[in-house]
């Protein structure tokens, strides 16, 4: 029997399957001090973005000599000190195929929201305002979408944008990718200069500094839009606010923040910002796929 701690919840179908295989699943969130004690009692820990698996937790797990695997129920592993965990004999895995479509669709939803004032008109109409003349939007068709990073999520977004008639360009650390003749590779700075929408799909930088700061925002087209459904911290939030307040950017769609839950009220309440509370992978379909990948990981390693 494998004893599994799911600190940020798990899809019910995955729990049922793991239980049917004779394993025990406990769903329980712990703060850092309590987690250091609890983790010693489990073979596997499954986390999403809320739980941070840093050195103190890993040291406690190593001391307990029981934890063999940490699974990130999602794509990124920025909330886990991966190298340190593996140096202590603890495997770290993720579920890379699970939420790509969900995140891509959310990025596209933010693009529509900004282009047609969907978010802000919901607010103003509920306040009794009929601002029809204020909300002349734009069409996505024939606009250029620049993708920063070209992994699974980016590819799914590119496919959908292409069907809508957008021109898709991308930049990628490893250079152009074969098999995507409809999408054009560009260097990062060139992409920023030509794109009407820039959507970020990268992990956090190694040193934690923003990938998009003032100089990058200044390179973007006047009246363009920035979408971040990737990682909080890859965008300098102060610089983004300045770009919005000066009208250099027409808008921003944001699902992730430097600190979560965010306390950046100026950004959240900006009329040209479409916001969601880190829900990129929060669809029933994605959670079911994540659960399936978790089950397979446990089957294959225990």
C-alpha atoms as a PDB file:
ATOM      1  CA  UNK A   1       0.000   0.000   0.000  1.00  0.00           C
ATOM      2  CA  UNK A   2       1.174   3.495  -0.892  1.00  0.00           C
ATOM      3  CA  UNK A   3       0.126   6.308   1.412  1.00  0.00           C
ATOM      4  CA  UNK A   4      -0.527   9.515  -0.572  1.00  0.00           C
ATOM      5  CA  UNK A   5      -0.935  13.056   0.751  1.00  0.00           C
ATOM      6  CA  UNK A   6      -2.811  15.419  -1.595  1.00  0.00           C
ATOM      7  CA  UNK A   7      -2.222  18.815  -0.019  1.00  0.00           C
ATOM      8  CA  UNK A   8      -4.198  20.835  -2.570  1.00  0.00           C
ATOM      9  CA  UNK A   9      -6.922  18.329  -3.425  1.00  0.00           C
ATOM     10  CA  UNK A  10      -7.245  15.673  -6.128  1.00  0.00           C
ATOM     11  CA  UNK A  11      -9.837  14.640  -8.684  1.00  0.00           C
ATOM     12  CA  UNK A  12     -12.351  12.196  -7.186  1.00  0.00           C
ATOM     13  CA  UNK A  13     -11.967   9.667 -10.001  1.00  0.00           C
ATOM     14  CA  UNK A  14      -8.222   9.490  -9.329  1.00  0.00           C
ATOM     15  CA  UNK A  15      -8.813   9.004  -5.610  1.00  0.00           C
ATOM     16  CA  UNK A  16     -11.320   6.244  -6.336  1.00  0.00           C
ATOM     17  CA  UNK A  17      -8.898   4.463  -8.678  1.00  0.00           C
ATOM     18  CA  UNK A  18      -5.978   4.724  -6.277  1.00  0.00           C
ATOM     19  CA  UNK A  19      -8.158   3.473  -3.436  1.00  0.00           C
ATOM     20  CA  UNK A  20      -9.346   0.546  -5.571  1.00  0.00           C
ATOM     21  CA  UNK A  21      -5.689  -0.374  -6.074  1.00  0.00           C
ATOM     22  CA  UNK A  22      -5.281  -0.633  -2.305  1.00  0.00           C
ATOM     23  CA  UNK A  23      -3.612   2.726  -1.710  1.00  0.00           C
ATOM     24  CA  UNK A  24      -4.602   5.348   0.871  1.00  0.00           C
ATOM     25  CA  UNK A  25      -5.222   8.964  -0.182  1.00  0.00           C
ATOM     26  CA  UNK A  26      -5.493  11.785   2.351  1.00  0.00           C
ATOM     27  CA  UNK A  27      -6.621  15.232   1.200  1.00  0.00           C
ATOM     28  CA  UNK A  28      -5.342  17.785   3.687  1.00  0.00           C
ATOM     29  CA  UNK A  29      -3.712  21.193   3.379  1.00  0.00           C
ATOM     30  CA  UNK A  30      -1.016  22.036   5.934  1.00  0.00           C
ATOM     31  CA  UNK A  31       0.872  25.206   6.710  1.00  0.00           C
ATOM     32  CA  UNK A  32       4.633  24.907   6.497  1.00  0.00           C
ATOM     33  CA  UNK A  33       5.292  23.926  10.106  1.00  0.00           C
ATOM     34  CA  UNK A  34       2.622  21.244  10.189  1.00  0.00           C
ATOM     35  CA  UNK A  35       3.607  19.963   6.756  1.00  0.00           C
ATOM     36  CA  UNK A  36       7.149  19.288   7.958  1.00  0.00           C
ATOM     37  CA  UNK A  37       5.723  16.832  10.476  1.00  0.00           C
ATOM     38  CA  UNK A  38       2.984  15.357   8.290  1.00  0.00           C
ATOM     39  CA  UNK A  39       5.195  14.615   5.293  1.00  0.00           C
ATOM     40  CA  UNK A  40       7.161  12.032   7.268  1.00  0.00           C
ATOM     41  CA  UNK A  41       4.115   9.748   7.266  1.00  0.00           C
ATOM     42  CA  UNK A  42       3.615   9.497   3.495  1.00  0.00           C
ATOM     43  CA  UNK A  43       5.196   7.777   0.492  1.00  0.00           C
ATOM     44  CA  UNK A  44       3.924  10.296  -2.074  1.00  0.00           C
ATOM     45  CA  UNK A  45       2.942  13.949  -1.827  1.00  0.00           C
ATOM     46  CA  UNK A  46       0.782  15.525  -4.534  1.00  0.00           C
ATOM     47  CA  UNK A  47       0.734  19.331  -4.706  1.00  0.00           C
ATOM     48  CA  UNK A  48      -0.688  22.020  -6.912  1.00  0.00           C
ATOM     49  CA  UNK A  49       0.445  25.660  -6.744  1.00  0.00           C
ATOM     50  CA  UNK A  50      -0.615  26.498  -3.186  1.00  0.00           C
ATOM     51  CA  UNK A  51       1.835  24.161  -1.429  1.00  0.00           C
ATOM     52  CA  UNK A  52       5.509  25.145  -1.604  1.00  0.00           C
ATOM     53  CA  UNK A  53       7.952  22.246  -1.320  1.00  0.00           C
ATOM     54  CA  UNK A  54      11.099  24.026  -0.256  1.00  0.00           C
ATOM     55  CA  UNK A  55      14.260  22.980   1.593  1.00  0.00           C
ATOM     56  CA  UNK A  56      12.735  22.802   5.113  1.00  0.00           C
ATOM     57  CA  UNK A  57       9.956  20.458   3.957  1.00  0.00           C
ATOM     58  CA  UNK A  58      12.373  18.354   1.935  1.00  0.00           C
ATOM     59  CA  UNK A  59      14.777  18.088   4.887  1.00  0.00           C
ATOM     60  CA  UNK A  60      11.907  16.948   7.112  1.00  0.00           C
ATOM     61  CA  UNK A  61      10.874  14.353   4.522  1.00  0.00           C
ATOM     62  CA  UNK A  62      14.443  13.095   4.212  1.00  0.00           C
ATOM     63  CA  UNK A  63      14.670  12.831   7.978  1.00  0.00           C
ATOM     64  CA  UNK A  64      11.514  10.706   7.991  1.00  0.00           C
ATOM     65  CA  UNK A  65      13.011   8.449   5.270  1.00  0.00           C
ATOM     66  CA  UNK A  66       9.596   7.549   3.864  1.00  0.00           C
ATOM     67  CA  UNK A  67       8.698  10.067   1.148  1.00  0.00           C
ATOM     68  CA  UNK A  68       9.775   8.771  -2.261  1.00  0.00           C
ATOM     69  CA  UNK A  69       7.990  11.072  -4.700  1.00  0.00           C
ATOM     70  CA  UNK A  70       6.522  14.567  -5.025  1.00  0.00           C
ATOM     71  CA  UNK A  71       4.052  15.034  -7.880  1.00  0.00           C
ATOM     72  CA  UNK A  72       3.141  18.489  -9.140  1.00  0.00           C
ATOM     73  CA  UNK A  73      -0.456  18.242 -10.338  1.00  0.00           C
ATOM     74  CA  UNK A  74       0.126  20.568 -13.254  1.00  0.00           C
ATOM     75  CA  UNK A  75       2.827  21.634 -15.666  1.00  0.00           C
ATOM     76  CA  UNK A  76       5.321  23.851 -13.848  1.00  0.00           C
ATOM     77  CA  UNK A  77       7.435  22.807 -10.867  1.00  0.00           C
ATOM     78  CA  UNK A  78       8.475  26.299  -9.754  1.00  0.00           C
ATOM     79  CA  UNK A  79       7.005  25.715  -6.297  1.00  0.00           C
ATOM     80  CA  UNK A  80       9.307  22.724  -5.704  1.00  0.00           C
ATOM     81  CA  UNK A  81      13.061  22.784  -5.090  1.00  0.00           C
ATOM     82  CA  UNK A  82      13.534  19.995  -7.628  1.00  0.00           C
ATOM     83  CA  UNK A  83      17.300  19.528  -7.580  1.00  0.00           C
ATOM     84  CA  UNK A  84      17.454  19.572  -3.787  1.00  0.00           C
ATOM     85  CA  UNK A  85      14.637  17.041  -3.488  1.00  0.00           C
ATOM     86  CA  UNK A  86      16.277  14.695  -5.977  1.00  0.00           C
ATOM     87  CA  UNK A  87      19.621  15.061  -4.165  1.00  0.00           C
ATOM     88  CA  UNK A  88      17.817  13.626  -1.136  1.00  0.00           C
ATOM     89  CA  UNK A  89      16.510  10.674  -3.121  1.00  0.00           C
ATOM     90  CA  UNK A  90      13.005  12.078  -3.619  1.00  0.00           C
ATOM     91  CA  UNK A  91      11.671  11.884  -7.189  1.00  0.00           C
ATOM     92  CA  UNK A  92       9.874  14.937  -8.567  1.00  0.00           C
ATOM     93  CA  UNK A  93       7.346  14.504 -11.366  1.00  0.00           C
ATOM     94  CA  UNK A  94       4.662  16.637 -12.997  1.00  0.00           C
ATOM     95  CA  UNK A  95       1.655  16.109 -15.277  1.00  0.00           C
ATOM     96  CA  UNK A  96       2.704  17.959 -18.447  1.00  0.00           C
ATOM     97  CA  UNK A  97      -0.094  16.784 -20.744  1.00  0.00           C
ATOM     98  CA  UNK A  98      -3.003  17.605 -18.496  1.00  0.00           C
ATOM     99  CA  UNK A  99      -3.906  21.279 -18.535  1.00  0.00           C
ATOM    100  CA  UNK A 100      -2.485  22.606 -21.815  1.00  0.00           C
ATOM    101  CA  UNK A 101      -5.873  23.028 -23.493  1.00  0.00           C
ATOM    102  CA  UNK A 102      -7.439  24.625 -20.415  1.00  0.00           C
ATOM    103  CA  UNK A 103      -4.683  27.222 -20.037  1.00  0.00           C
ATOM    104  CA  UNK A 104      -4.648  27.964 -23.771  1.00  0.00           C
ATOM    105  CA  UNK A 105      -8.396  28.542 -23.753  1.00  0.00           C
ATOM    106  CA  UNK A 106      -8.133  30.863 -20.743  1.00  0.00           C
ATOM    107  CA  UNK A 107      -5.450  32.925 -22.493  1.00  0.00           C
ATOM    108  CA  UNK A 108      -7.751  33.183 -25.504  1.00  0.00           C
ATOM    109  CA  UNK A 109     -10.649  34.148 -23.223  1.00  0.00           C
ATOM    110  CA  UNK A 110      -8.602  37.033 -21.829  1.00  0.00           C
ATOM    111  CA  UNK A 111      -7.826  38.150 -25.369  1.00  0.00           C
ATOM    112  CA  UNK A 112     -11.520  38.233 -26.264  1.00  0.00           C
ATOM    113  CA  UNK A 113     -12.357  39.958 -22.988  1.00  0.00           C
ATOM    114  CA  UNK A 114      -9.869  42.734 -23.654  1.00  0.00           C
ATOM    115  CA  UNK A 115     -10.663  43.105 -27.351  1.00  0.00           C
ATOM    116  CA  UNK A 116     -14.407  43.518 -26.690  1.00  0.00           C
ATOM    117  CA  UNK A 117     -14.432  45.026 -23.178  1.00  0.00           C
ATOM    118  CA  UNK A 118     -16.255  41.998 -21.775  1.00  0.00           C
ATOM    119  CA  UNK A 119     -14.780  42.244 -18.273  1.00  0.00           C
ATOM    120  CA  UNK A 120     -15.136  45.972 -17.660  1.00  0.00           C
ATOM    121  CA  UNK A 121     -18.605  46.178 -19.242  1.00  0.00           C
ATOM    122  CA  UNK A 122     -19.773  43.510 -16.791  1.00  0.00           C
ATOM    123  CA  UNK A 123     -18.626  45.814 -13.985  1.00  0.00           C
ATOM    124  CA  UNK A 124     -20.031  49.066 -15.340  1.00  0.00           C
ATOM    125  CA  UNK A 125     -23.400  47.630 -16.365  1.00  0.00           C
ATOM    126  CA  UNK A 126     -23.898  46.183 -12.896  1.00  0.00           C
ATOM    127  CA  UNK A 127     -23.221  49.687 -11.601  1.00  0.00           C
ATOM    128  CA  UNK A 128     -26.073  51.008 -13.751  1.00  0.00           C
ATOM    129  CA  UNK A 129     -23.923  52.427 -16.571  1.00  0.00           C
ATOM    130  CA  UNK A 130     -24.721  51.991 -20.274  1.00  0.00           C
ATOM    131  CA  UNK A 131     -21.355  52.820 -21.848  1.00  0.00           C
ATOM    132  CA  UNK A 132     -22.091  51.591 -25.342  1.00  0.00           C
ATOM    133  CA  UNK A 133     -20.206  54.446 -27.035  1.00  0.00           C
ATOM    134  CA  UNK A 134     -17.094  53.790 -24.920  1.00  0.00           C
ATOM    135  CA  UNK A 135     -16.664  50.160 -25.936  1.00  0.00           C
ATOM    136  CA  UNK A 136     -15.627  50.141 -29.576  1.00  0.00           C
ATOM    137  CA  UNK A 137     -13.377  47.116 -29.649  1.00  0.00           C
ATOM    138  CA  UNK A 138     -11.178  45.306 -32.137  1.00  0.00           C
ATOM    139  CA  UNK A 139     -11.379  41.997 -33.990  1.00  0.00           C
ATOM    140  CA  UNK A 140      -8.797  39.299 -33.379  1.00  0.00           C
ATOM    141  CA  UNK A 141      -8.808  38.397 -37.061  1.00  0.00           C
ATOM    142  CA  UNK A 142      -5.651  39.589 -38.868  1.00  0.00           C
ATOM    143  CA  UNK A 143      -4.000  40.621 -35.602  1.00  0.00           C
ATOM    144  CA  UNK A 144      -0.557  39.256 -34.757  1.00  0.00           C
ATOM    145  CA  UNK A 145      -0.246  37.015 -31.724  1.00  0.00           C
ATOM    146  CA  UNK A 146       3.282  36.718 -30.354  1.00  0.00           C
ATOM    147  CA  UNK A 147       3.950  33.673 -28.196  1.00  0.00           C
ATOM    148  CA  UNK A 148       6.848  33.844 -25.744  1.00  0.00           C
ATOM    149  CA  UNK A 149       7.792  30.196 -25.300  1.00  0.00           C
ATOM    150  CA  UNK A 150       6.503  27.458 -27.587  1.00  0.00           C
ATOM    151  CA  UNK A 151       5.688  24.429 -25.482  1.00  0.00           C
ATOM    152  CA  UNK A 152       2.463  22.448 -25.199  1.00  0.00           C
ATOM    153  CA  UNK A 153       0.267  25.338 -24.037  1.00  0.00           C
ATOM    154  CA  UNK A 154       1.624  27.736 -26.651  1.00  0.00           C
ATOM    155  CA  UNK A 155       1.027  25.233 -29.433  1.00  0.00           C
ATOM    156  CA  UNK A 156      -2.596  24.758 -28.355  1.00  0.00           C
ATOM    157  CA  UNK A 157      -3.128  28.533 -28.245  1.00  0.00           C
ATOM    158  CA  UNK A 158      -1.434  28.957 -31.628  1.00  0.00           C
ATOM    159  CA  UNK A 159      -3.770  26.412 -33.235  1.00  0.00           C
ATOM    160  CA  UNK A 160      -6.864  28.199 -31.938  1.00  0.00           C
ATOM    161  CA  UNK A 161      -5.614  31.661 -32.849  1.00  0.00           C
ATOM    162  CA  UNK A 162      -4.758  30.471 -36.368  1.00  0.00           C
ATOM    163  CA  UNK A 163      -8.309  29.201 -36.885  1.00  0.00           C
ATOM    164  CA  UNK A 164      -9.563  32.651 -35.853  1.00  0.00           C
ATOM    165  CA  UNK A 165      -7.485  34.235 -38.606  1.00  0.00           C
ATOM    166  CA  UNK A 166      -4.673  35.578 -36.424  1.00  0.00           C
ATOM    167  CA  UNK A 167      -1.069  35.697 -37.585  1.00  0.00           C
ATOM    168  CA  UNK A 168       0.979  33.664 -35.110  1.00  0.00           C
ATOM    169  CA  UNK A 169       4.650  34.274 -34.387  1.00  0.00           C
ATOM    170  CA  UNK A 170       6.675  32.713 -31.599  1.00  0.00           C
ATOM    171  CA  UNK A 171      10.014  32.794 -29.856  1.00  0.00           C
ATOM    172  CA  UNK A 172      11.626  29.890 -28.057  1.00  0.00           C
ATOM    173  CA  UNK A 173      14.839  29.331 -26.107  1.00  0.00           C
ATOM    174  CA  UNK A 174      15.770  26.349 -28.279  1.00  0.00           C
ATOM    175  CA  UNK A 175      15.042  28.155 -31.551  1.00  0.00           C
ATOM    176  CA  UNK A 176      12.539  27.277 -34.315  1.00  0.00           C
ATOM    177  CA  UNK A 177      10.481  24.088 -34.025  1.00  0.00           C
ATOM    178  CA  UNK A 178       9.866  21.791 -36.949  1.00  0.00           C
ATOM    179  CA  UNK A 179       6.348  20.766 -37.899  1.00  0.00           C
ATOM    180  CA  UNK A 180       4.599  24.135 -37.537  1.00  0.00           C
ATOM    181  CA  UNK A 181       4.672  25.768 -40.990  1.00  0.00           C
ATOM    182  CA  UNK A 182       1.761  28.106 -40.171  1.00  0.00           C
ATOM    183  CA  UNK A 183       3.658  29.820 -37.343  1.00  0.00           C
ATOM    184  CA  UNK A 184       6.752  32.001 -37.764  1.00  0.00           C
ATOM    185  CA  UNK A 185       9.759  31.957 -35.451  1.00  0.00           C
ATOM    186  CA  UNK A 186      11.188  35.325 -34.356  1.00  0.00           C
ATOM    187  CA  UNK A 187      13.784  36.549 -31.913  1.00  0.00           C
ATOM    188  CA  UNK A 188      12.304  37.804 -28.646  1.00  0.00           C
ATOM    189  CA  UNK A 189      12.762  41.539 -29.207  1.00  0.00           C
ATOM    190  CA  UNK A 190      11.480  41.416 -32.769  1.00  0.00           C
ATOM    191  CA  UNK A 191       8.380  39.553 -31.595  1.00  0.00           C
ATOM    192  CA  UNK A 192       7.648  42.232 -28.984  1.00  0.00           C
ATOM    193  CA  UNK A 193       7.844  44.958 -31.615  1.00  0.00           C
ATOM    194  CA  UNK A 194       5.447  43.397 -34.149  1.00  0.00           C
ATOM    195  CA  UNK A 195       2.779  41.694 -31.996  1.00  0.00           C
ATOM    196  CA  UNK A 196      -0.673  43.057 -31.265  1.00  0.00           C
ATOM    197  CA  UNK A 197      -1.043  40.495 -28.473  1.00  0.00           C
ATOM    198  CA  UNK A 198       1.904  39.034 -26.547  1.00  0.00           C
ATOM    199  CA  UNK A 199       1.129  35.889 -24.550  1.00  0.00           C
ATOM    200  CA  UNK A 200       3.720  34.482 -22.147  1.00  0.00           C
ATOM    201  CA  UNK A 201       4.234  30.729 -21.796  1.00  0.00           C
ATOM    202  CA  UNK A 202       7.543  30.247 -19.984  1.00  0.00           C
ATOM    203  CA  UNK A 203       8.656  29.032 -16.560  1.00  0.00           C
ATOM    204  CA  UNK A 204      10.024  31.493 -14.043  1.00  0.00           C
ATOM    205  CA  UNK A 205      13.526  32.761 -14.763  1.00  0.00           C
ATOM    206  CA  UNK A 206      16.359  31.033 -12.925  1.00  0.00           C
ATOM    207  CA  UNK A 207      17.093  34.046 -10.729  1.00  0.00           C
ATOM    208  CA  UNK A 208      13.432  34.972 -10.252  1.00  0.00           C
ATOM    209  CA  UNK A 209      13.754  38.283 -12.118  1.00  0.00           C
ATOM    210  CA  UNK A 210      10.987  39.408 -14.489  1.00  0.00           C
ATOM    211  CA  UNK A 211      11.226  38.313 -18.104  1.00  0.00           C
ATOM    212  CA  UNK A 212       9.021  41.256 -19.072  1.00  0.00           C
ATOM    213  CA  UNK A 213      10.096  44.519 -17.453  1.00  0.00           C
ATOM    214  CA  UNK A 214      10.054  48.168 -18.426  1.00  0.00           C
ATOM    215  CA  UNK A 215      12.464  47.836 -21.349  1.00  0.00           C
ATOM    216  CA  UNK A 216      10.496  44.931 -22.854  1.00  0.00           C
ATOM    217  CA  UNK A 217       7.172  46.710 -22.358  1.00  0.00           C
ATOM    218  CA  UNK A 218       8.591  49.811 -24.046  1.00  0.00           C
ATOM    219  CA  UNK A 219       9.447  47.658 -27.086  1.00  0.00           C
ATOM    220  CA  UNK A 220       5.855  46.503 -27.493  1.00  0.00           C
ATOM    221  CA  UNK A 221       3.598  48.171 -30.044  1.00  0.00           C
ATOM    222  CA  UNK A 222       1.607  51.185 -28.947  1.00  0.00           C
ATOM    223  CA  UNK A 223      -1.893  49.940 -28.148  1.00  0.00           C
ATOM    224  CA  UNK A 224      -0.934  46.279 -27.856  1.00  0.00           C
ATOM    225  CA  UNK A 225      -1.978  43.770 -25.184  1.00  0.00           C
ATOM    226  CA  UNK A 226      -0.060  41.524 -22.774  1.00  0.00           C
ATOM    227  CA  UNK A 227      -1.409  38.150 -21.592  1.00  0.00           C
ATOM    228  CA  UNK A 228       0.140  36.229 -18.690  1.00  0.00           C
ATOM    229  CA  UNK A 229      -1.318  32.842 -17.800  1.00  0.00           C
ATOM    230  CA  UNK A 230       2.140  31.387 -17.134  1.00  0.00           C
ATOM    231  CA  UNK A 231       3.859  32.357 -13.875  1.00  0.00           C
ATOM    232  CA  UNK A 232       3.605  35.229 -11.440  1.00  0.00           C
ATOM    233  CA  UNK A 233       6.869  37.138 -11.350  1.00  0.00           C
ATOM    234  CA  UNK A 234       7.714  36.817 -15.040  1.00  0.00           C
ATOM    235  CA  UNK A 235       6.102  40.243 -15.499  1.00  0.00           C
ATOM    236  CA  UNK A 236       7.151  43.307 -13.498  1.00  0.00           C
ATOM    237  CA  UNK A 237       3.762  44.367 -12.141  1.00  0.00           C
ATOM    238  CA  UNK A 238       4.839  47.963 -11.400  1.00  0.00           C
ATOM    239  CA  UNK A 239       6.208  48.412 -14.912  1.00  0.00           C
ATOM    240  CA  UNK A 240       3.026  46.889 -16.335  1.00  0.00           C
ATOM    241  CA  UNK A 241       0.888  49.361 -14.386  1.00  0.00           C
ATOM    242  CA  UNK A 242       2.970  52.238 -15.706  1.00  0.00           C
ATOM    243  CA  UNK A 243       2.556  50.983 -19.281  1.00  0.00           C
ATOM    244  CA  UNK A 244      -1.203  50.738 -18.799  1.00  0.00           C
ATOM    245  CA  UNK A 245      -1.546  54.125 -17.105  1.00  0.00           C
ATOM    246  CA  UNK A 246       0.420  55.818 -19.881  1.00  0.00           C
ATOM    247  CA  UNK A 247      -1.794  54.090 -22.488  1.00  0.00           C
ATOM    248  CA  UNK A 248       1.279  52.552 -24.119  1.00  0.00           C
ATOM    249  CA  UNK A 249      -0.485  49.212 -23.644  1.00  0.00           C
ATOM    250  CA  UNK A 250      -4.192  48.980 -24.406  1.00  0.00           C
ATOM    251  CA  UNK A 251      -4.718  46.228 -21.874  1.00  0.00           C
ATOM    252  CA  UNK A 252      -3.498  43.143 -20.042  1.00  0.00           C
ATOM    253  CA  UNK A 253      -4.983  39.764 -19.221  1.00  0.00           C
ATOM    254  CA  UNK A 254      -3.563  38.266 -16.035  1.00  0.00           C
ATOM    255  CA  UNK A 255      -4.178  34.931 -14.327  1.00  0.00           C
ATOM    256  CA  UNK A 256      -1.008  34.756 -12.219  1.00  0.00           C
ATOM    257  CA  UNK A 257       0.615  37.206  -9.830  1.00  0.00           C
ATOM    258  CA  UNK A 258       3.938  37.784  -8.099  1.00  0.00           C
ATOM    259  CA  UNK A 259       2.270  37.184  -4.722  1.00  0.00           C
ATOM    260  CA  UNK A 260      -0.843  35.032  -4.462  1.00  0.00           C
ATOM    261  CA  UNK A 261      -3.479  35.773  -3.352  1.00  0.00           C
ATOM    262  CA  UNK A 262      -2.549  39.113  -4.882  1.00  0.00           C
ATOM    263  CA  UNK A 263      -2.799  42.333  -2.929  1.00  0.00           C
ATOM    264  CA  UNK A 264      -2.089  44.469  -6.002  1.00  0.00           C
ATOM    265  CA  UNK A 265      -5.424  46.263  -6.017  1.00  0.00           C
ATOM    266  CA  UNK A 266      -4.263  48.892  -8.496  1.00  0.00           C
ATOM    267  CA  UNK A 267      -3.620  46.200 -11.097  1.00  0.00           C
ATOM    268  CA  UNK A 268      -6.709  44.106 -10.346  1.00  0.00           C
ATOM    269  CA  UNK A 269      -9.004  47.139 -10.470  1.00  0.00           C
ATOM    270  CA  UNK A 270      -7.470  48.761 -13.539  1.00  0.00           C
ATOM    271  CA  UNK A 271     -10.209  49.274 -16.159  1.00  0.00           C
ATOM    272  CA  UNK A 272      -7.993  47.905 -18.924  1.00  0.00           C
ATOM    273  CA  UNK A 273      -7.102  44.688 -17.143  1.00  0.00           C
ATOM    274  CA  UNK A 274      -8.886  41.337 -17.354  1.00  0.00           C
ATOM    275  CA  UNK A 275      -8.112  39.255 -14.275  1.00  0.00           C
ATOM    276  CA  UNK A 276      -8.687  35.729 -12.986  1.00  0.00           C
ATOM    277  CA  UNK A 277      -7.386  34.111  -9.756  1.00  0.00           C
ATOM    278  CA  UNK A 278      -4.862  31.573 -11.133  1.00  0.00           C
ATOM    279  CA  UNK A 279      -7.467  29.292 -12.697  1.00  0.00           C
ATOM    280  CA  UNK A 280      -5.595  28.272 -15.849  1.00  0.00           C
ATOM    281  CA  UNK A 281      -5.872  24.553 -15.148  1.00  0.00           C
ATOM    282  CA  UNK A 282      -9.145  24.748 -13.253  1.00  0.00           C
ATOM    283  CA  UNK A 283     -11.474  22.862 -15.554  1.00  0.00           C
ATOM    284  CA  UNK A 284     -13.161  19.562 -14.897  1.00  0.00           C
ATOM    285  CA  UNK A 285     -11.512  18.042 -17.942  1.00  0.00           C
ATOM    286  CA  UNK A 286      -8.018  19.163 -16.924  1.00  0.00           C
ATOM    287  CA  UNK A 287      -8.413  17.917 -13.379  1.00  0.00           C
ATOM    288  CA  UNK A 288      -9.580  14.536 -14.648  1.00  0.00           C
ATOM    289  CA  UNK A 289      -6.558  14.291 -16.949  1.00  0.00           C
ATOM    290  CA  UNK A 290      -4.258  15.369 -14.123  1.00  0.00           C
ATOM    291  CA  UNK A 291      -5.745  12.663 -11.927  1.00  0.00           C
ATOM    292  CA  UNK A 292      -5.153  10.087 -14.631  1.00  0.00           C
ATOM    293  CA  UNK A 293      -1.499  11.090 -14.978  1.00  0.00           C
ATOM    294  CA  UNK A 294      -1.032  10.933 -11.201  1.00  0.00           C
ATOM    295  CA  UNK A 295      -2.456   7.408 -11.129  1.00  0.00           C
ATOM    296  CA  UNK A 296      -0.100   6.324 -13.908  1.00  0.00           C
ATOM    297  CA  UNK A 297       2.914   7.832 -12.143  1.00  0.00           C
ATOM    298  CA  UNK A 298       2.122   5.929  -8.961  1.00  0.00           C
ATOM    299  CA  UNK A 299       1.408   2.691 -10.857  1.00  0.00           C
ATOM    300  CA  UNK A 300       4.707   2.955 -12.703  1.00  0.00           C
ATOM    301  CA  UNK A 301       6.879   3.761  -9.692  1.00  0.00           C
ATOM    302  CA  UNK A 302       5.456   1.689  -6.823  1.00  0.00           C
END
